[in-house]
Amino acid sequence: MIDTDAQTGTDTGTLRLSRAIKAAPDTVYTALIDPAARSAWGPPGDGHVVRIEGQPAPSPGIREVSRCGPADNPYVTVLTDWVLMEPATRLVYAETLMAEGAALGSSLACCDLTASDIGTNLTVTVQIMSFIGDEMLSEFEGGWTHAFENLARYAETQAA
């Protein structure tokens, strides 16, 4: 569930997702940063794609440029700025979504991983800003919720 706090000109919200994943923290962390893995679990909906091609390896201070959207027209440019990377423990990155040169919204995601008896407890907190109205907050929530479930399934298949 997204909590919202409307401000003049910018709609904001916070999304928190938590899940126990049957995979070790290093497996989940690798799935969070590996471009091929992110392309597999990251699409925000059925029939969508995430294309991460020819980009530098994730590292603090690196900007990655990728595309996402419907498989036949991934029209959204995603600028990912890697902020903090603590292997198998914490990952922080910022994303800006753009279409036709206009910023749609930005987010700051903090992924906290802790070892558990079954594998990993993953909590993701996303601070969201929409520049095009509150409907973008719903888009962020739907995309993150879908991708989060895919991430859990993906990591569990990698651990099997």
Protein backbone atom coordinates (compact mmCIF):
# COMPACT_ATOMS: atom_id res chain seq x y z
CA MET A 1 0.00 0.00 0.00
CA ILE A 2 1.34 3.41 -0.92
CA ASP A 3 1.13 6.27 1.57
CA THR A 4 0.74 9.65 -0.15
CA ASP A 5 1.57 13.19 0.80
CA ALA A 6 0.58 15.67 -1.92
CA GLN A 7 2.74 18.76 -2.34
CA THR A 8 2.25 21.68 -4.69
CA GLY A 9 3.34 20.64 -8.19
CA THR A 10 4.65 17.23 -7.18
CA ASP A 11 2.78 14.21 -5.86
CA THR A 12 4.79 12.09 -3.44
CA GLY A 13 4.40 8.75 -1.75
CA THR A 14 6.13 5.97 0.09
CA LEU A 15 5.81 2.30 -0.81
CA ARG A 16 7.02 -0.47 1.52
CA LEU A 17 7.22 -4.08 0.44
CA SER A 18 8.45 -6.99 2.58
CA ARG A 19 8.82 -10.65 1.88
CA ALA A 20 10.61 -13.77 3.05
CA ILE A 21 12.46 -15.30 0.11
CA LYS A 22 13.75 -18.88 0.02
CA ALA A 23 17.20 -17.89 -1.22
CA ALA A 24 20.39 -16.74 0.47
CA PRO A 25 21.01 -12.99 0.81
CA ASP A 26 23.85 -13.08 -1.74
CA THR A 27 21.52 -14.70 -4.31
CA VAL A 28 18.83 -12.06 -3.73
CA TYR A 29 21.40 -9.24 -3.83
CA THR A 30 22.84 -10.54 -7.12
CA ALA A 31 19.32 -10.69 -8.58
CA LEU A 32 18.82 -7.05 -7.57
CA ILE A 33 21.93 -5.77 -9.38
CA ASP A 34 22.65 -8.17 -12.27
CA PRO A 35 21.37 -6.69 -15.57
CA ALA A 36 20.27 -10.06 -17.01
CA ALA A 37 18.42 -10.92 -13.79
CA ARG A 38 16.77 -7.49 -13.64
CA SER A 39 15.65 -7.87 -17.24
CA ALA A 40 14.03 -11.18 -16.27
CA TRP A 41 12.19 -10.14 -13.10
CA GLY A 42 11.92 -6.36 -13.52
CA PRO A 43 9.18 -5.77 -16.10
CA PRO A 44 6.40 -3.78 -14.43
CA GLY A 45 3.60 -5.85 -15.94
CA ASP A 46 2.74 -8.78 -18.17
CA GLY A 47 3.70 -8.12 -21.78
CA HIS A 48 6.33 -5.57 -20.72
CA VAL A 49 10.11 -5.68 -20.99
CA VAL A 50 13.16 -4.14 -19.33
CA ARG A 51 16.14 -3.75 -21.66
CA ILE A 52 19.52 -3.15 -20.02
CA GLU A 53 22.14 -3.40 -22.73
CA GLY A 54 25.69 -2.14 -23.02
CA GLN A 55 25.73 -0.48 -19.59
CA PRO A 56 28.56 -0.22 -17.05
CA ALA A 57 28.46 -2.60 -14.10
CA PRO A 58 26.42 -1.25 -11.19
CA SER A 59 28.62 0.63 -8.74
CA PRO A 60 28.08 3.67 -6.50
CA GLY A 61 28.21 6.79 -8.65
CA ILE A 62 27.39 4.96 -11.90
CA ARG A 63 24.40 5.95 -14.02
CA GLU A 64 22.71 3.24 -16.04
CA VAL A 65 20.32 3.97 -18.90
CA SER A 66 17.74 1.34 -19.83
CA ARG A 67 14.36 1.09 -21.56
CA CYS A 68 11.10 -0.40 -20.39
CA GLY A 69 7.49 -0.62 -21.43
CA PRO A 70 5.36 -2.78 -23.70
CA ALA A 71 7.42 -5.45 -25.49
CA ASP A 72 6.64 -3.93 -28.89
CA ASN A 73 7.43 -0.36 -27.77
CA PRO A 74 9.60 0.08 -24.65
CA TYR A 75 9.19 3.85 -24.77
CA VAL A 76 10.17 4.69 -21.18
CA THR A 77 13.79 5.60 -20.53
CA VAL A 78 14.96 4.64 -17.05
CA LEU A 79 17.93 6.47 -15.54
CA THR A 80 19.28 4.43 -12.62
CA ASP A 81 21.79 6.09 -10.31
CA TRP A 82 23.51 3.60 -8.02
CA VAL A 83 24.00 5.19 -4.60
CA LEU A 84 24.99 2.62 -1.95
CA MET A 85 25.92 -1.02 -2.41
CA GLU A 86 26.59 -3.24 0.61
CA PRO A 87 26.67 -6.79 -0.79
CA ALA A 88 23.97 -9.10 0.57
CA THR A 89 22.90 -6.44 3.09
CA ARG A 90 21.70 -3.14 1.57
CA LEU A 91 21.23 -1.54 -1.82
CA VAL A 92 20.15 2.04 -2.50
CA TYR A 93 19.49 3.52 -5.91
CA ALA A 94 17.53 6.32 -7.53
CA GLU A 95 15.51 6.01 -10.73
CA THR A 96 13.99 8.60 -13.00
CA LEU A 97 11.43 7.53 -15.59
CA MET A 98 11.23 9.61 -18.78
CA ALA A 99 9.12 9.47 -21.94
CA GLU A 100 9.65 11.65 -24.99
CA GLY A 101 12.23 13.68 -23.08
CA ALA A 102 9.89 14.55 -20.19
CA ALA A 103 10.41 13.31 -16.64
CA LEU A 104 7.42 11.30 -15.40
CA GLY A 105 8.66 10.58 -11.90
CA SER A 106 11.61 9.70 -9.72
CA SER A 107 12.11 7.26 -6.90
CA LEU A 108 14.68 6.40 -4.27
CA ALA A 109 14.70 2.72 -3.39
CA CYS A 110 16.32 1.20 -0.31
CA CYS A 111 16.54 -2.59 -0.29
CA ASP A 112 17.41 -4.14 3.10
CA LEU A 113 18.32 -7.82 3.19
CA THR A 114 18.66 -9.90 6.35
CA ALA A 115 19.42 -13.60 6.64
CA SER A 116 16.62 -15.78 7.99
CA ASP A 117 16.01 -19.44 8.72
CA ILE A 118 14.51 -19.92 5.24
CA GLY A 119 16.82 -17.57 3.33
CA THR A 120 16.32 -13.80 3.20
CA ASN A 121 13.95 -11.25 4.58
CA LEU A 122 13.79 -8.46 2.00
CA THR A 123 12.27 -5.08 2.75
CA VAL A 124 12.12 -2.44 0.05
CA THR A 125 11.18 1.14 0.86
CA VAL A 126 10.56 3.39 -2.14
CA GLN A 127 10.18 7.16 -1.87
CA ILE A 128 8.29 8.29 -4.98
CA MET A 129 7.77 11.63 -6.69
CA SER A 130 5.38 12.01 -9.62
CA PHE A 131 5.73 15.01 -11.89
CA ILE A 132 2.57 14.28 -13.90
CA GLY A 133 -0.10 13.79 -11.25
CA ASP A 134 -1.09 11.22 -8.68
CA GLU A 135 -1.89 8.57 -11.31
CA MET A 136 1.86 8.04 -11.67
CA LEU A 137 2.00 7.03 -8.01
CA SER A 138 -0.39 4.17 -8.87
CA GLU A 139 1.84 3.25 -11.82
CA PHE A 140 4.87 3.08 -9.53
CA GLU A 141 2.97 0.97 -7.00
CA GLY A 142 1.67 -1.47 -9.61
CA GLY A 143 5.04 -1.80 -11.29
CA TRP A 144 6.94 -2.30 -8.05
CA THR A 145 4.40 -4.80 -6.68
CA HIS A 146 4.52 -6.87 -9.88
CA ALA A 147 8.33 -6.76 -10.11
CA PHE A 148 8.75 -7.53 -6.40
CA GLU A 149 6.76 -10.75 -6.74
CA ASN A 150 8.76 -11.66 -9.86
CA LEU A 151 12.02 -10.97 -8.00
CA ALA A 152 11.07 -13.38 -5.22
CA ARG A 153 10.18 -16.13 -7.71
CA TYR A 154 13.34 -15.48 -9.74
CA ALA A 155 15.67 -15.60 -6.70
CA GLU A 156 14.03 -18.79 -5.45
CA THR A 157 14.57 -20.51 -8.81
CA GLN A 158 18.23 -19.43 -8.75
CA ALA A 159 18.61 -20.97 -5.27
CA ALA A 160 17.01 -24.29 -6.26
